[in-house]
N, C-alpha and C. Protein backbone atom coordinates (compact mmCIF):
# COMPACT_ATOMS: atom_id res chain seq x y z
N UNK A 1 4.62 -3.01 13.75
CA UNK A 1 3.11 -3.33 12.58
C UNK A 1 3.55 -1.43 12.79
N UNK A 2 3.11 -1.45 11.91
CA UNK A 2 2.33 0.31 11.31
C UNK A 2 0.27 0.01 11.77
N UNK A 3 -0.30 0.90 12.07
CA UNK A 3 -2.01 0.71 12.16
C UNK A 3 -2.12 1.93 11.70
N UNK A 4 -3.79 1.87 10.79
CA UNK A 4 -4.38 2.69 10.72
C UNK A 4 -5.66 2.20 10.02
N UNK A 5 -6.08 3.06 11.11
CA UNK A 5 -7.77 3.00 10.84
C UNK A 5 -8.59 4.54 10.33
N UNK A 6 -9.21 3.95 9.28
CA UNK A 6 -9.99 5.36 8.58
C UNK A 6 -11.90 5.04 8.76
N UNK A 7 -12.53 5.87 9.54
CA UNK A 7 -14.14 5.84 9.71
C UNK A 7 -14.47 7.40 8.59
N UNK A 8 -15.16 6.21 7.11
CA UNK A 8 -15.47 7.37 6.05
C UNK A 8 -16.90 7.46 5.87
N UNK A 9 -17.45 9.15 6.85
CA UNK A 9 -18.59 9.30 6.83
C UNK A 9 -19.37 10.09 5.39
N UNK A 10 -20.23 9.40 5.49
CA UNK A 10 -20.64 9.03 4.33
C UNK A 10 -22.85 9.16 3.87
N UNK A 11 -23.41 10.15 3.64
CA UNK A 11 -24.72 10.71 4.07
C UNK A 11 -25.69 9.87 3.27
N UNK A 12 -24.80 8.91 2.21
CA UNK A 12 -25.44 8.01 1.37
C UNK A 12 -25.01 6.48 1.42
N UNK A 13 -24.66 5.72 2.72
CA UNK A 13 -24.16 4.92 2.83
C UNK A 13 -24.66 3.57 2.13
N UNK A 14 -26.18 3.90 1.65
CA UNK A 14 -26.36 2.88 0.77
C UNK A 14 -26.01 2.87 -0.81
N UNK A 15 -25.30 4.44 -1.15
CA UNK A 15 -24.88 4.22 -2.64
C UNK A 15 -22.83 3.99 -2.43
N UNK A 16 -22.78 3.90 -1.58
CA UNK A 16 -21.62 2.58 -1.25
C UNK A 16 -21.08 2.21 -2.48
N UNK A 17 -19.61 2.37 -3.36
CA UNK A 17 -19.77 0.88 -4.57
C UNK A 17 -18.52 0.07 -3.69
N UNK A 18 -19.06 -1.35 -3.68
CA UNK A 18 -18.00 -1.52 -3.18
C UNK A 18 -18.59 -3.06 -3.06
N UNK A 19 -16.92 -3.89 -3.71
CA UNK A 19 -17.24 -5.43 -4.25
C UNK A 19 -15.95 -6.30 -3.76
N UNK A 20 -16.71 -7.31 -3.54
CA UNK A 20 -16.02 -8.15 -3.08
C UNK A 20 -15.59 -8.69 -4.70
N UNK A 21 -13.56 -8.91 -4.81
CA UNK A 21 -12.79 -9.26 -5.74
C UNK A 21 -11.32 -9.28 -5.47
N UNK A 22 -11.05 -9.71 -6.80
CA UNK A 22 -9.90 -10.03 -6.74
C UNK A 22 -8.86 -8.70 -6.39
N UNK A 23 -7.68 -9.02 -5.83
CA UNK A 23 -6.68 -7.96 -5.61
C UNK A 23 -5.94 -6.95 -6.25
N UNK A 24 -5.82 -6.17 -6.49
CA UNK A 24 -5.74 -4.73 -7.69
C UNK A 24 -6.52 -4.44 -8.77
N UNK A 25 -7.59 -5.36 -8.14
CA UNK A 25 -9.15 -5.27 -9.13
C UNK A 25 -9.77 -3.99 -8.52
N UNK A 26 -10.28 -3.56 -7.47
CA UNK A 26 -11.56 -2.51 -7.08
C UNK A 26 -11.68 -1.23 -7.25
N UNK A 27 -10.40 -0.32 -8.31
CA UNK A 27 -10.53 0.73 -8.28
C UNK A 27 -11.46 1.66 -8.86
N UNK A 28 -13.07 0.41 -9.53
CA UNK A 28 -13.88 1.46 -9.79
C UNK A 28 -15.44 2.04 -8.63
N UNK A 29 -15.01 1.12 -7.62
CA UNK A 29 -15.38 0.90 -5.89
C UNK A 29 -15.08 2.18 -5.35
N UNK A 30 -15.68 2.70 -4.21
CA UNK A 30 -15.08 3.35 -3.02
C UNK A 30 -13.47 3.36 -2.57
N UNK A 31 -13.06 3.98 -2.58
CA UNK A 31 -12.27 3.18 -1.26
C UNK A 31 -10.40 4.82 -0.48
N UNK A 32 -10.33 4.26 0.36
CA UNK A 32 -9.70 5.18 0.70
C UNK A 32 -7.74 3.99 0.72
N UNK A 33 -6.86 5.42 0.56
CA UNK A 33 -5.36 4.74 0.51
C UNK A 33 -4.32 5.59 0.86
N UNK A 34 -3.29 5.19 0.94
CA UNK A 34 -2.05 6.16 1.31
C UNK A 34 -0.94 5.77 0.94
N UNK A 35 -0.07 6.90 1.01
CA UNK A 35 1.42 6.60 0.16
C UNK A 35 2.00 6.84 0.96
N UNK A 36 3.03 5.81 1.63
CA UNK A 36 3.83 5.96 2.41
C UNK A 36 4.92 6.02 1.92
N UNK A 37 6.22 7.47 1.98
CA UNK A 37 7.81 7.13 1.85
C UNK A 37 8.73 6.98 2.77
N UNK A 38 8.39 5.29 3.11
CA UNK A 38 9.27 4.87 4.57
C UNK A 38 10.46 5.29 4.74
N UNK A 39 11.44 5.27 3.34
CA UNK A 39 12.71 6.16 3.92
C UNK A 39 13.05 7.17 3.91
N UNK A 40 12.11 8.72 3.26
CA UNK A 40 11.64 9.58 3.48
C UNK A 40 12.77 10.45 2.45
N UNK A 41 12.41 9.83 1.54
CA UNK A 41 13.89 10.38 0.62
C UNK A 41 13.02 10.66 -0.85
N UNK A 42 11.86 10.71 -0.74
CA UNK A 42 11.30 10.76 -2.23
C UNK A 42 11.64 10.07 -3.01
N UNK A 43 12.03 9.50 -3.36
CA UNK A 43 12.37 8.39 -4.20
C UNK A 43 11.72 6.87 -4.47
N UNK A 44 10.92 6.52 -3.83
CA UNK A 44 10.29 5.33 -3.71
C UNK A 44 8.96 5.73 -2.43
N UNK A 45 7.87 5.10 -2.79
CA UNK A 45 6.39 5.45 -2.33
C UNK A 45 5.78 3.63 -1.90
N UNK A 46 5.26 3.64 -1.27
CA UNK A 46 4.57 1.95 -1.71
C UNK A 46 3.01 2.61 -1.11
N UNK A 47 2.54 2.07 -1.92
CA UNK A 47 0.99 2.90 -1.83
C UNK A 47 -0.30 1.55 -1.88
N UNK A 48 -0.69 1.92 -0.26
CA UNK A 48 -2.12 1.02 -0.31
C UNK A 48 -3.52 1.28 -0.17
N UNK A 49 -4.59 0.77 -1.17
CA UNK A 49 -5.17 0.82 -1.56
C UNK A 49 -6.45 0.05 -0.38
N UNK A 50 -7.21 0.28 -0.37
CA UNK A 50 -8.62 -0.53 0.31
C UNK A 50 -9.77 -0.38 -0.08
N UNK A 51 -10.70 -1.13 -0.02
CA UNK A 51 -12.50 -0.70 -0.49
C UNK A 51 -12.72 -0.79 0.56
N UNK A 52 -14.06 -0.30 0.89
CA UNK A 52 -15.42 -0.74 2.07
C UNK A 52 -15.37 -2.27 2.27
N UNK A 53 -15.21 -3.44 1.27
CA UNK A 53 -14.73 -4.41 1.94
C UNK A 53 -13.62 -4.79 2.48
N UNK A 54 -12.25 -4.40 2.37
CA UNK A 54 -10.70 -4.83 2.64
C UNK A 54 -9.98 -5.25 1.94
N UNK A 55 -10.67 -5.48 0.03
CA UNK A 55 -10.23 -5.48 -0.73
C UNK A 55 -8.94 -4.58 -0.87
N UNK A 56 -7.31 -5.32 -1.01
CA UNK A 56 -6.96 -5.13 -1.12
C UNK A 56 -6.22 -4.51 -2.67
N UNK A 57 -5.74 -3.46 -2.97
CA UNK A 57 -5.27 -2.38 -3.75
C UNK A 57 -3.70 -2.06 -3.37
N UNK A 58 -2.44 -2.99 -4.14
CA UNK A 58 -1.25 -1.98 -3.83
C UNK A 58 0.04 -1.22 -4.68
N UNK A 59 0.84 -0.94 -4.79
CA UNK A 59 1.75 0.34 -5.72
C UNK A 59 2.81 0.17 -5.43
N UNK A 60 4.15 0.25 -6.06
CA UNK A 60 4.65 0.70 -5.72
C UNK A 60 5.38 2.15 -6.51
N UNK A 61 5.66 2.90 -6.13
CA UNK A 61 6.06 4.58 -6.54
C UNK A 61 7.18 4.68 -6.36
N UNK A 62 8.22 5.32 -7.77
CA UNK A 62 9.11 5.75 -8.05
C UNK A 62 8.67 6.86 -9.43
N UNK A 63 9.58 7.79 -8.83
CA UNK A 63 9.32 8.76 -10.16
C UNK A 63 10.13 8.34 -11.80
N UNK A 64 11.18 7.50 -11.54
CA UNK A 64 11.37 6.89 -12.70
C UNK A 64 10.56 6.14 -13.16
N UNK A 65 9.80 4.85 -12.68
CA UNK A 65 8.08 4.62 -13.31
C UNK A 65 7.01 4.42 -12.91
N UNK A 66 6.89 5.42 -12.70
CA UNK A 66 5.78 5.67 -12.04
C UNK A 66 5.02 4.10 -10.74
N UNK A 67 3.56 4.03 -11.13
CA UNK A 67 3.16 3.84 -10.25
C UNK A 67 3.31 1.97 -10.72
N UNK A 68 3.69 1.30 -9.89
CA UNK A 68 3.92 -0.68 -10.13
C UNK A 68 3.28 -1.64 -9.53
N UNK A 69 1.81 -2.31 -10.08
CA UNK A 69 0.85 -3.07 -9.30
C UNK A 69 1.57 -3.82 -8.72
N UNK A 70 1.96 -4.37 -9.54
CA UNK A 70 2.29 -5.87 -9.40
C UNK A 70 3.12 -6.05 -7.96
N UNK A 71 3.78 -4.63 -6.92
CA UNK A 71 4.62 -5.71 -5.50
C UNK A 71 3.92 -6.26 -4.93
N UNK A 72 2.49 -6.19 -4.81
CA UNK A 72 1.67 -7.40 -3.75
C UNK A 72 2.41 -8.31 -2.62
N UNK A 73 2.33 -6.27 -1.92
CA UNK A 73 3.24 -6.52 -1.17
C UNK A 73 2.67 -7.18 -0.12
N UNK A 74 2.93 -7.55 1.12
CA UNK A 74 2.08 -8.29 2.01
C UNK A 74 1.53 -7.39 3.90
N UNK A 75 0.15 -7.64 3.56
CA UNK A 75 0.01 -6.38 4.85
C UNK A 75 -1.69 -6.95 5.16
N UNK A 76 -2.23 -6.68 5.95
CA UNK A 76 -3.87 -6.68 6.35
C UNK A 76 -4.63 -6.03 6.60
N UNK A 77 -5.75 -6.07 5.94
CA UNK A 77 -6.46 -4.99 5.46
C UNK A 77 -7.96 -5.44 6.38
N UNK A 78 -9.12 -4.66 7.00
CA UNK A 78 -10.12 -4.64 7.24
C UNK A 78 -11.53 -4.61 6.51
N UNK A 79 -12.80 -4.41 6.09
CA UNK A 79 -13.47 -3.01 5.97
C UNK A 79 -14.27 -3.62 5.86
N UNK A 80 -15.94 -2.86 6.20
CA UNK A 80 -17.03 -3.04 6.29
C UNK A 80 -18.37 -1.26 6.10
N UNK A 81 -18.44 -2.03 5.56
CA UNK A 81 -19.53 -0.56 5.20
C UNK A 81 -20.36 -0.45 7.36
N UNK A 82 -21.22 0.38 7.02
CA UNK A 82 -21.65 0.97 8.49
C UNK A 82 -22.92 1.33 7.77
N UNK A 83 -23.67 2.71 9.17
CA UNK A 83 -25.11 2.91 8.59
C UNK A 83 -24.64 4.20 8.52
N UNK A 84 -22.66 5.22 9.12
CA UNK A 84 -23.04 6.23 8.62
C UNK A 84 -21.91 6.74 6.78
N UNK A 85 -21.50 5.21 6.44
CA UNK A 85 -19.87 5.64 5.36
C UNK A 85 -19.81 4.50 5.82
N UNK A 86 -18.33 3.32 5.44
CA UNK A 86 -17.30 3.02 5.81
C UNK A 86 -16.23 3.06 7.23
N UNK A 87 -15.66 1.80 7.44
CA UNK A 87 -14.40 1.95 8.66
C UNK A 87 -13.39 0.90 7.53
N UNK A 88 -11.92 1.42 7.92
CA UNK A 88 -11.54 0.45 6.60
C UNK A 88 -10.24 0.81 7.91
N UNK A 89 -9.69 -0.76 8.13
CA UNK A 89 -8.64 -0.95 8.82
C UNK A 89 -7.20 -1.13 8.27
N UNK A 90 -6.41 -0.88 8.84
CA UNK A 90 -4.41 -1.04 7.62
C UNK A 90 -3.73 -1.95 9.27
N UNK A 91 -3.24 -2.47 8.73
CA UNK A 91 -2.07 -3.27 9.71
C UNK A 91 -1.02 -3.32 8.94
N UNK A 92 0.35 -2.93 8.70
CA UNK A 92 1.40 -2.92 7.48
C UNK A 92 2.52 -3.51 8.43
N UNK A 93 2.79 -4.86 8.53
CA UNK A 93 4.15 -5.15 9.22
C UNK A 93 5.38 -4.07 8.74
N UNK A 94 6.31 -3.85 9.54
CA UNK A 94 7.50 -2.96 9.94
C UNK A 94 8.37 -3.77 8.69
N UNK A 95 8.01 -5.55 8.48
CA UNK A 95 9.35 -6.46 7.69
C UNK A 95 9.12 -5.93 6.17
N UNK A 96 7.55 -5.71 5.69
CA UNK A 96 6.99 -5.43 4.55
C UNK A 96 7.67 -4.48 3.60
N UNK A 97 8.76 -3.04 4.52
CA UNK A 97 8.78 -1.90 4.31
C UNK A 97 10.28 -2.04 3.90
N UNK A 98 11.08 -0.84 4.05
CA UNK A 98 12.06 -0.67 3.81
C UNK A 98 12.59 0.35 4.35
N UNK A 99 12.94 1.05 5.19
CA UNK A 99 13.86 2.08 6.31
C UNK A 99 14.54 2.15 6.87
N UNK A 100 15.18 3.38 7.01
CA UNK A 100 15.97 3.10 7.71
C UNK A 100 15.60 3.76 9.37
N UNK A 101 16.36 2.83 9.82
CA UNK A 101 16.24 2.89 12.22
C UNK A 101 17.17 4.19 12.33
N UNK A 102 16.40 3.75 13.17
CA UNK A 102 17.75 5.41 13.92
C UNK A 102 16.80 5.62 14.88
N UNK A 103 17.03 6.52 16.36
CA UNK A 103 16.38 6.63 17.42
C UNK A 103 15.32 7.82 17.04
N UNK A 104 15.85 8.77 15.75
CA UNK A 104 14.39 9.69 15.26
C UNK A 104 13.83 9.21 13.50
N UNK A 105 12.82 8.36 12.89
CA UNK A 105 13.00 8.21 11.87
C UNK A 105 11.70 9.04 11.64
N UNK A 106 12.20 9.71 10.38
CA UNK A 106 10.88 9.79 9.81
C UNK A 106 10.43 9.98 8.16
N UNK A 107 9.09 9.41 8.07
CA UNK A 107 8.89 8.96 6.48
C UNK A 107 7.15 9.86 6.34
N UNK A 108 7.76 9.65 5.08
CA UNK A 108 6.28 11.44 4.67
C UNK A 108 5.21 10.18 3.91
N UNK A 109 4.17 10.86 3.96
CA UNK A 109 2.53 10.41 4.23
C UNK A 109 2.13 10.87 3.88
N UNK A 110 1.07 10.18 3.03
CA UNK A 110 -0.34 10.57 2.35
C UNK A 110 -1.36 10.19 1.85
N UNK A 111 -2.99 10.49 2.91
CA UNK A 111 -3.91 9.64 2.86
C UNK A 111 -4.74 10.14 1.30
N UNK A 112 -6.13 9.23 1.09
CA UNK A 112 -6.91 9.77 0.05
C UNK A 112 -7.42 8.99 0.63
N UNK A 113 -9.00 9.97 -0.20
CA UNK A 113 -10.09 9.23 -0.04
C UNK A 113 -10.81 9.57 -1.57
N UNK A 114 -11.56 8.08 -2.67
CA UNK A 114 -11.90 8.22 -3.64
C UNK A 114 -13.69 8.06 -3.49
N UNK A 115 -14.49 8.71 -3.38
CA UNK A 115 -16.02 8.69 -3.86
C UNK A 115 -15.91 8.16 -4.86
N UNK A 116 -16.40 7.01 -5.49
CA UNK A 116 -17.33 6.66 -7.22
C UNK A 116 -18.16 6.99 -7.88
N UNK A 117 -19.26 7.45 -7.05
CA UNK A 117 -20.31 8.20 -7.27
C UNK A 117 -20.12 9.50 -8.21
N UNK A 118 -19.30 10.02 -7.29
CA UNK A 118 -19.02 11.59 -7.59
C UNK A 118 -18.10 11.74 -8.50
N UNK A 119 -16.74 10.37 -8.44
CA UNK A 119 -15.53 10.69 -8.98
C UNK A 119 -14.94 11.87 -8.51
N UNK A 120 -15.13 12.08 -7.35
CA UNK A 120 -14.26 13.06 -6.76
C UNK A 120 -13.75 11.85 -5.35
N UNK A 121 -12.16 12.92 -5.84
CA UNK A 121 -10.84 12.45 -4.52
C UNK A 121 -10.44 14.03 -3.67
N UNK A 122 -10.40 13.16 -2.59
CA UNK A 122 -9.67 13.05 -1.94
C UNK A 122 -8.01 13.25 -1.04
N UNK A 123 -7.56 14.42 -0.63
CA UNK A 123 -6.37 13.93 -0.04
C UNK A 123 -5.80 14.43 0.97
N UNK A 124 -4.90 14.69 2.02
CA UNK A 124 -4.46 15.33 3.07
C UNK A 124 -3.06 14.58 3.15
N UNK A 125 -2.28 15.75 3.27
CA UNK A 125 -2.11 17.05 2.88
C UNK A 125 -2.42 16.92 1.50
N UNK A 126 -3.04 18.34 1.19
CA UNK A 126 -3.92 18.96 -0.07
C UNK A 126 -2.80 18.44 -1.42
N UNK A 127 -3.33 17.85 -2.42
CA UNK A 127 -2.04 17.45 -3.52
C UNK A 127 -2.86 18.15 -4.90
N UNK A 128 -2.44 19.69 -4.89
CA UNK A 128 -2.63 20.46 -5.87
C UNK A 128 -2.72 19.22 -7.12
N UNK A 129 -3.72 19.66 -8.15
CA UNK A 129 -3.67 19.24 -10.33
C UNK A 129 -1.10 19.90 -10.01
N UNK A 130 -1.25 18.81 -10.77
CA UNK A 130 0.81 18.89 -10.55
C UNK A 130 1.07 18.61 -10.07
N UNK A 131 1.17 18.28 -8.66
CA UNK A 131 1.60 17.45 -7.96
C UNK A 131 2.29 16.13 -7.67
N UNK A 132 2.16 15.69 -7.23
CA UNK A 132 2.19 13.95 -7.36
C UNK A 132 2.83 13.75 -5.45
N UNK A 133 3.08 12.42 -5.66
CA UNK A 133 2.88 12.32 -4.12
C UNK A 133 3.92 12.97 -2.82
N UNK A 134 5.34 13.12 -3.71
CA UNK A 134 6.63 12.93 -3.36
C UNK A 134 6.30 14.74 -2.83
N UNK A 135 6.24 15.54 -3.54
CA UNK A 135 5.66 17.06 -2.95
C UNK A 135 5.83 17.65 -2.50
N UNK A 136 4.10 17.23 -2.21
CA UNK A 136 4.44 18.16 -0.19
C UNK A 136 3.34 16.94 1.18
N UNK A 137 3.96 16.10 1.21
CA UNK A 137 3.76 14.80 2.24
C UNK A 137 3.78 15.42 3.34
N UNK A 138 3.14 14.47 4.48
CA UNK A 138 2.33 15.19 5.59
C UNK A 138 3.53 13.96 6.31
N UNK A 139 3.66 13.69 7.77
CA UNK A 139 5.01 13.29 8.02
C UNK A 139 4.63 12.13 9.30
N UNK A 140 5.49 11.02 9.44
CA UNK A 140 5.52 9.92 10.04
C UNK A 140 6.14 10.67 11.01
N UNK A 141 6.71 10.59 12.84
CA UNK A 141 7.52 10.18 13.64
C UNK A 141 8.11 8.82 13.83
N UNK A 142 9.18 8.10 14.25
CA UNK A 142 9.06 7.89 14.92
C UNK A 142 9.93 7.48 16.16
N UNK A 143 10.61 6.77 17.67
CA UNK A 143 11.52 7.37 17.99
C UNK A 143 11.90 5.29 18.36
N UNK A 144 12.48 5.21 17.97
CA UNK A 144 13.90 4.10 18.36
C UNK A 144 13.13 3.21 17.90
N UNK A 145 13.54 3.46 16.10
CA UNK A 145 12.62 2.46 15.91
C UNK A 145 13.96 1.66 14.72
N UNK A 146 13.56 0.14 15.00
CA UNK A 146 14.81 -0.68 13.79
C UNK A 146 14.90 -1.66 12.69
N UNK A 147 15.27 -2.20 12.35
CA UNK A 147 14.56 -2.59 11.03
C UNK A 147 15.03 -4.41 12.26
N UNK A 148 14.55 -4.81 11.06
CA UNK A 148 14.63 -6.50 11.18
C UNK A 148 15.14 -6.86 10.38
N UNK A 149 15.99 -7.67 10.81
CA UNK A 149 17.23 -8.04 9.73
C UNK A 149 15.97 -9.40 9.24
N UNK A 150 16.23 -9.33 7.82
CA UNK A 150 15.90 -10.24 7.10
C UNK A 150 16.31 -12.10 6.68
N UNK A 151 16.47 -13.13 7.24
CA UNK A 151 17.04 -14.09 6.12
C UNK A 151 16.19 -14.48 5.27
N UNK A 152 16.88 -14.98 4.38
CA UNK A 152 15.60 -16.08 3.04
C UNK A 152 16.75 -16.80 3.17
N UNK A 153 16.06 -17.82 3.58
CA UNK A 153 17.05 -20.01 2.84
C UNK A 153 16.30 -19.78 1.58
N UNK A 154 17.24 -20.07 0.85
CA UNK A 154 16.57 -20.99 -0.64
C UNK A 154 17.36 -22.56 -0.80
N UNK A 155 16.81 -23.49 0.03
CA UNK A 155 17.39 -24.49 0.02
C UNK A 155 17.55 -24.83 -1.56
N UNK A 156 18.47 -25.17 -2.54
CA UNK A 156 18.19 -25.86 -3.50
C UNK A 156 19.74 -27.15 -4.19
N UNK A 157 19.54 -28.03 -4.59
CA UNK A 157 20.42 -29.35 -5.10
C UNK A 157 20.68 -28.76 -6.97
N UNK A 158 21.71 -28.97 -6.89
CA UNK A 158 22.67 -28.97 -7.71
C UNK A 158 23.02 -30.47 -8.38
N UNK A 159 22.52 -31.29 -9.65
CA UNK A 159 23.55 -32.20 -9.68
C UNK A 159 24.46 -32.79 -11.33
N UNK A 160 24.99 -32.84 -11.61
CA UNK A 160 25.34 -33.24 -12.68
C UNK A 160 25.44 -34.66 -13.47
N UNK A 161 25.50 -34.75 -14.43
CA UNK A 161 25.49 -36.27 -15.17
C UNK A 161 25.66 -35.67 -16.70
N UNK A 162 26.57 -36.40 -16.78
CA UNK A 162 26.97 -36.60 -18.34
C UNK A 162 26.34 -38.13 -19.00
N UNK A 163 26.38 -37.59 -20.07
CA UNK A 163 25.37 -38.64 -21.48
C UNK A 163 26.02 -38.19 -22.50
N UNK A 164 25.83 -39.59 -23.15
CA UNK A 164 26.58 -39.81 -24.32
C UNK A 164 25.72 -40.78 -24.98
N UNK A 165 25.45 -39.72 -26.68
CA UNK A 165 24.33 -40.62 -27.33
C UNK A 165 24.98 -41.43 -27.84
N UNK A 166 24.26 -42.50 -27.97
CA UNK A 166 24.43 -43.96 -28.95
C UNK A 166 24.26 -43.84 -30.68
N UNK A 167 25.13 -44.46 -30.63
CA UNK A 167 25.09 -44.18 -32.20
C UNK A 167 24.43 -45.70 -32.92
N UNK A 168 23.62 -45.81 -33.90
CA UNK A 168 23.20 -46.54 -33.95
C UNK A 168 24.20 -46.93 -35.84
């Protein structure tokens, strides 16, 4: 797993927008997000968004097709409004993402925060207008990271039958 924790301070915590809603539908709420280029190729990024109630929104992003919200990745999130803002936690299983293992693994990362009532979004590293997640990412460095081999079994049975139509 890769774990992320955020403490989002807000001087007016009673104005934090958060709902309990279906996945991928809380974009009008406050939220935090991360964009993870797990292969470090600047070609594919996993976008994980969480509102203050822990509701997930996610997408797969490529330069060719943009953000695809049909991804529905498997990951865990939790959120809670506090007296000074809100806290969000993310647990991302390594089996959910694709990466090249090795002694030294470098992944690109960006973090985002949106405050809905002001319409302001922030990012780290800074992402000036006209740039996108692959232009100036921060980096996560791992040592001795190995991908798990996944095996999926899909049992099926095929049965052939021949029938002839009767004549009347």
